[in-house]
Amino acid sequence: MEGLNGIIQNNYSKIQSRIKAACLRCQRNSESVTLVAVTKYAQMEWVKILLELGCTHLGESRTQQLNERAAMLPDDLHWHFIGPLQRNKVRRTILNSSLIHSVDSLKLLSTIDRIAAECGLQPHVLIEVNLAGEENKKGFSKADLLANWASIYTASHVCIDGLMTMAPHHQDPELARPVFHELSELRSQLQASSPAKIQLKELSMGMSGDFEVAIEEGATLVRIGSALYEGLK
């Protein structure tokens, strides 16, 4: 177990250092960036080690596993739902999610809004935007988001906290920069046309291979999975 602890602690420390260095390069406070540890493929003992290291934001992409793990672990954790959300699983998902990153359509937003009203909840969500133009990625196109923004921000039982995107996978993280920059610019554009109650504080972008570039372009939430578990089997 000492070896397992050491590997995860070393990985976690390296990522924290890289986050701080990226923030320093763009003159940001490192506390403005939250590391969301993606645990969907992680063994429970790995997750518990992350908690011991002080990680309190965990990301799951399947409703059943999120709810099972939320029931097993401390109540003060922040669970992020980061996977595609089916409308028939909304009710079970919003119960344990601190933030849903993947609202990718008006139909899904409407379903969340309706069920939240029925449950007396006000879930926090991010609007997923497909800026890469890849057919295998979900999310609003930029044009659709701009055209439907007034309908989106008037959802009365949902808190829209910001935007999320996924960049294409490249060996060179610099190739993801235009996508991240465009999401940051889009956030500013939407914020300027929104009522005061809408505060798009969060930009969820950047994963293990490109999170430093994402931070330099304004990411406030980085979703880190594989880099946390390097060296484990």
Protein backbone atom coordinates (compact mmCIF):
# COMPACT_ATOMS: atom_id res chain seq x y z
CA MET A 1 0.00 0.00 0.00
CA GLU A 2 2.92 2.36 0.67
CA GLY A 3 3.96 2.02 -2.95
CA LEU A 4 0.44 2.76 -4.14
CA ASN A 5 0.20 5.77 -1.85
CA GLY A 6 3.55 7.05 -3.02
CA ILE A 7 2.72 6.79 -6.72
CA ILE A 8 -0.59 8.63 -6.40
CA GLN A 9 0.86 11.23 -4.05
CA ASN A 10 3.72 11.89 -6.48
CA ASN A 11 1.35 12.19 -9.45
CA TYR A 12 -1.01 14.47 -7.53
CA SER A 13 1.85 16.68 -6.37
CA LYS A 14 3.25 16.98 -9.89
CA ILE A 15 -0.13 18.01 -11.28
CA GLN A 16 -0.60 20.60 -8.54
CA SER A 17 2.84 22.01 -9.33
CA ARG A 18 2.03 22.17 -13.04
CA ILE A 19 -1.25 23.97 -12.29
CA LYS A 20 0.60 26.55 -10.18
CA ALA A 21 3.25 27.04 -12.86
CA ALA A 22 0.61 27.54 -15.57
CA CYS A 23 -1.17 30.09 -13.39
CA LEU A 24 2.08 31.90 -12.75
CA ARG A 25 2.75 32.17 -16.48
CA CYS A 26 -0.59 33.90 -17.08
CA GLN A 27 -0.58 35.87 -13.81
CA ARG A 28 -3.49 34.04 -12.22
CA ASN A 29 -4.02 32.93 -8.66
CA SER A 30 -3.69 29.15 -8.56
CA GLU A 31 -6.74 29.02 -6.29
CA SER A 32 -8.81 30.13 -9.30
CA VAL A 33 -8.33 26.66 -10.82
CA THR A 34 -10.05 23.56 -9.43
CA LEU A 35 -8.64 20.12 -10.12
CA VAL A 36 -11.48 17.69 -10.78
CA ALA A 37 -10.09 14.19 -10.30
CA VAL A 38 -11.75 11.93 -12.85
CA THR A 39 -12.45 8.70 -10.99
CA LYS A 40 -14.62 6.80 -13.48
CA TYR A 41 -11.91 4.16 -14.10
CA ALA A 42 -10.21 4.43 -10.72
CA GLN A 43 -10.32 1.71 -8.11
CA MET A 44 -11.93 2.74 -4.83
CA GLU A 45 -8.64 2.47 -2.93
CA TRP A 46 -7.11 4.97 -5.37
CA VAL A 47 -10.00 7.36 -4.80
CA LYS A 48 -9.59 7.13 -1.02
CA ILE A 49 -5.90 8.01 -1.33
CA LEU A 50 -6.83 11.11 -3.33
CA LEU A 51 -9.21 12.13 -0.55
CA GLU A 52 -6.43 11.71 2.00
CA LEU A 53 -4.28 14.04 -0.12
CA GLY A 54 -6.97 16.72 0.10
CA CYS A 55 -8.76 16.22 -3.21
CA THR A 56 -12.46 17.04 -2.74
CA HIS A 57 -13.68 17.44 -6.34
CA LEU A 58 -14.34 14.14 -8.11
CA GLY A 59 -15.64 13.55 -11.64
CA GLU A 60 -17.82 10.64 -12.73
CA SER A 61 -19.42 9.96 -16.11
CA ARG A 62 -21.94 7.27 -15.15
CA THR A 63 -24.94 7.94 -12.94
CA GLN A 64 -24.95 4.59 -11.20
CA GLN A 65 -21.28 4.75 -10.20
CA LEU A 66 -21.61 8.37 -9.09
CA ASN A 67 -24.50 7.54 -6.78
CA GLU A 68 -22.87 4.38 -5.44
CA ARG A 69 -19.63 6.16 -4.62
CA ALA A 70 -21.35 9.22 -3.22
CA ALA A 71 -23.15 6.91 -0.77
CA MET A 72 -19.88 5.26 0.28
CA LEU A 73 -17.72 8.36 0.71
CA PRO A 74 -17.94 11.49 2.92
CA ASP A 75 -20.85 13.87 2.41
CA ASP A 76 -18.67 16.97 1.97
CA LEU A 77 -17.26 15.96 -1.42
CA HIS A 78 -18.09 17.82 -4.64
CA TRP A 79 -19.26 15.39 -7.33
CA HIS A 80 -18.98 16.52 -10.94
CA PHE A 81 -20.98 14.69 -13.58
CA ILE A 82 -18.80 14.89 -16.68
CA GLY A 83 -20.24 12.31 -19.07
CA PRO A 84 -23.12 12.35 -21.54
CA LEU A 85 -26.36 12.62 -19.60
CA GLN A 86 -29.41 10.70 -20.81
CA ARG A 87 -32.71 12.39 -20.08
CA ASN A 88 -34.11 9.29 -18.39
CA LYS A 89 -31.28 9.47 -15.84
CA VAL A 90 -31.61 13.15 -14.93
CA ARG A 91 -33.60 12.58 -11.74
CA ARG A 92 -31.02 10.16 -10.33
CA THR A 93 -28.10 12.29 -11.46
CA ILE A 94 -29.04 15.67 -10.00
CA LEU A 95 -29.45 14.24 -6.50
CA ASN A 96 -25.70 13.82 -5.94
CA SER A 97 -24.12 16.15 -8.50
CA SER A 98 -22.59 19.42 -7.37
CA LEU A 99 -22.09 20.38 -11.01
CA ILE A 100 -23.21 18.81 -14.29
CA HIS A 101 -20.67 19.65 -17.01
CA SER A 102 -22.47 18.16 -19.99
CA VAL A 103 -25.73 19.94 -20.81
CA ASP A 104 -25.54 19.52 -24.56
CA SER A 105 -29.05 20.34 -25.85
CA LEU A 106 -32.16 22.38 -25.17
CA LYS A 107 -34.13 19.16 -24.63
CA LEU A 108 -31.76 18.04 -21.88
CA LEU A 109 -31.77 21.46 -20.23
CA SER A 110 -35.58 21.51 -20.30
CA THR A 111 -35.72 18.07 -18.71
CA ILE A 112 -33.30 19.07 -15.95
CA ASP A 113 -35.28 22.26 -15.33
CA ARG A 114 -38.58 20.38 -15.07
CA ILE A 115 -37.30 17.62 -12.81
CA ALA A 116 -35.41 20.08 -10.62
CA ALA A 117 -38.69 21.93 -10.06
CA GLU A 118 -40.44 18.69 -9.13
CA CYS A 119 -37.64 17.81 -6.68
CA GLY A 120 -37.32 21.29 -5.20
CA LEU A 121 -33.69 21.51 -6.36
CA GLN A 122 -31.62 24.09 -8.22
CA PRO A 123 -28.82 22.10 -9.87
CA HIS A 124 -25.70 23.83 -11.11
CA VAL A 125 -24.83 23.10 -14.73
CA LEU A 126 -22.42 23.96 -17.52
CA ILE A 127 -23.40 24.26 -21.17
CA GLU A 128 -21.32 21.94 -23.34
CA VAL A 129 -20.09 23.51 -26.58
CA ASN A 130 -18.65 21.57 -29.51
CA LEU A 131 -16.10 24.02 -30.88
CA ALA A 132 -13.97 21.35 -32.49
CA GLY A 133 -16.70 20.54 -34.99
CA GLU A 134 -16.12 16.82 -34.51
CA GLU A 135 -19.15 14.62 -35.12
CA ASN A 136 -18.22 12.25 -32.28
CA LYS A 137 -18.37 15.09 -29.75
CA LYS A 138 -21.60 16.29 -28.22
CA GLY A 139 -22.60 19.84 -27.41
CA PHE A 140 -24.11 22.97 -28.88
CA SER A 141 -22.45 24.41 -31.93
CA LYS A 142 -21.36 28.00 -31.43
CA ALA A 143 -24.09 29.21 -33.80
CA ASP A 144 -26.82 27.22 -32.04
CA LEU A 145 -25.69 28.41 -28.62
CA LEU A 146 -25.77 32.06 -29.67
CA ALA A 147 -29.15 31.64 -31.35
CA ASN A 148 -30.72 29.91 -28.34
CA TRP A 149 -28.95 31.71 -25.50
CA ALA A 150 -32.02 33.65 -24.35
CA SER A 151 -33.97 30.40 -24.08
CA ILE A 152 -31.12 28.79 -22.17
CA TYR A 153 -30.53 31.42 -19.50
CA THR A 154 -34.24 31.76 -18.72
CA ALA A 155 -34.41 28.20 -17.32
CA SER A 156 -35.85 28.98 -13.91
CA HIS A 157 -34.78 25.97 -11.81
CA VAL A 158 -31.22 25.61 -13.07
CA CYS A 159 -28.10 27.62 -12.20
CA ILE A 160 -25.99 28.07 -15.34
CA ASP A 161 -22.44 28.47 -14.04
CA GLY A 162 -20.50 28.54 -17.29
CA LEU A 163 -19.34 26.54 -20.30
CA MET A 164 -17.53 23.29 -21.05
CA THR A 165 -15.70 22.02 -24.09
CA MET A 166 -13.44 19.18 -25.19
CA ALA A 167 -10.57 19.86 -27.56
CA PRO A 168 -9.50 17.36 -30.23
CA HIS A 169 -6.87 14.88 -29.08
CA HIS A 170 -3.38 15.87 -30.26
CA GLN A 171 0.13 14.92 -29.25
CA ASP A 172 0.95 18.64 -29.13
CA PRO A 173 -1.22 20.42 -26.52
CA GLU A 174 -0.63 23.73 -28.27
CA LEU A 175 -2.98 22.55 -30.99
CA ALA A 176 -5.81 22.68 -28.43
CA ARG A 177 -5.19 26.35 -27.66
CA PRO A 178 -7.49 27.81 -30.36
CA VAL A 179 -10.45 25.80 -29.05
CA PHE A 180 -9.82 26.89 -25.46
CA HIS A 181 -9.33 30.50 -26.52
CA GLU A 182 -12.57 30.43 -28.48
CA LEU A 183 -14.52 29.11 -25.48
CA SER A 184 -13.13 31.90 -23.32
CA GLU A 185 -14.10 34.47 -25.92
CA LEU A 186 -17.56 32.92 -26.27
CA ARG A 187 -18.06 33.10 -22.51
CA SER A 188 -17.30 36.84 -22.58
CA GLN A 189 -19.68 37.34 -25.50
CA LEU A 190 -22.52 35.51 -23.73
CA GLN A 191 -21.88 37.24 -20.44
CA ALA A 192 -22.21 40.62 -22.13
CA SER A 193 -25.67 39.72 -23.43
CA SER A 194 -26.95 38.12 -20.22
CA PRO A 195 -28.92 39.58 -17.32
CA ALA A 196 -26.98 40.37 -14.15
CA LYS A 197 -28.16 37.20 -12.40
CA ILE A 198 -26.26 35.07 -14.93
CA GLN A 199 -22.63 34.84 -13.89
CA LEU A 200 -20.64 32.53 -16.14
CA LYS A 201 -17.79 32.03 -13.71
CA GLU A 202 -16.71 28.56 -14.78
CA LEU A 203 -14.85 27.32 -17.84
CA SER A 204 -14.42 23.54 -17.78
CA MET A 205 -11.73 22.71 -20.30
CA GLY A 206 -8.47 20.84 -20.31
CA MET A 207 -7.64 17.24 -19.51
CA SER A 208 -4.47 15.31 -18.66
CA GLY A 209 -2.79 16.06 -21.98
CA ASP A 210 -3.60 19.75 -22.37
CA PHE A 211 -4.71 21.24 -19.04
CA GLU A 212 -1.82 23.71 -18.79
CA VAL A 213 -2.74 25.35 -22.11
CA ALA A 214 -6.38 25.40 -20.96
CA ILE A 215 -5.40 27.23 -17.77
CA GLU A 216 -3.45 29.79 -19.77
CA GLU A 217 -6.64 30.40 -21.78
CA GLY A 218 -8.85 30.82 -18.71
CA ALA A 219 -9.92 27.37 -17.49
CA THR A 220 -11.30 27.32 -13.96
CA LEU A 221 -12.01 23.56 -13.90
CA VAL A 222 -9.56 21.00 -15.29
CA ARG A 223 -10.64 17.36 -15.56
CA ILE A 224 -7.64 15.15 -14.79
CA GLY A 225 -7.81 11.37 -14.99
CA SER A 226 -4.94 9.38 -16.51
CA ALA A 227 -2.19 11.68 -15.22
CA LEU A 228 -3.27 10.92 -11.66
CA TYR A 229 -2.88 7.18 -12.11
CA GLU A 230 0.33 6.92 -14.14
CA GLY A 231 2.39 3.97 -12.96
CA LEU A 232 -0.56 2.04 -11.58
CA LYS A 233 -1.94 -1.23 -12.89
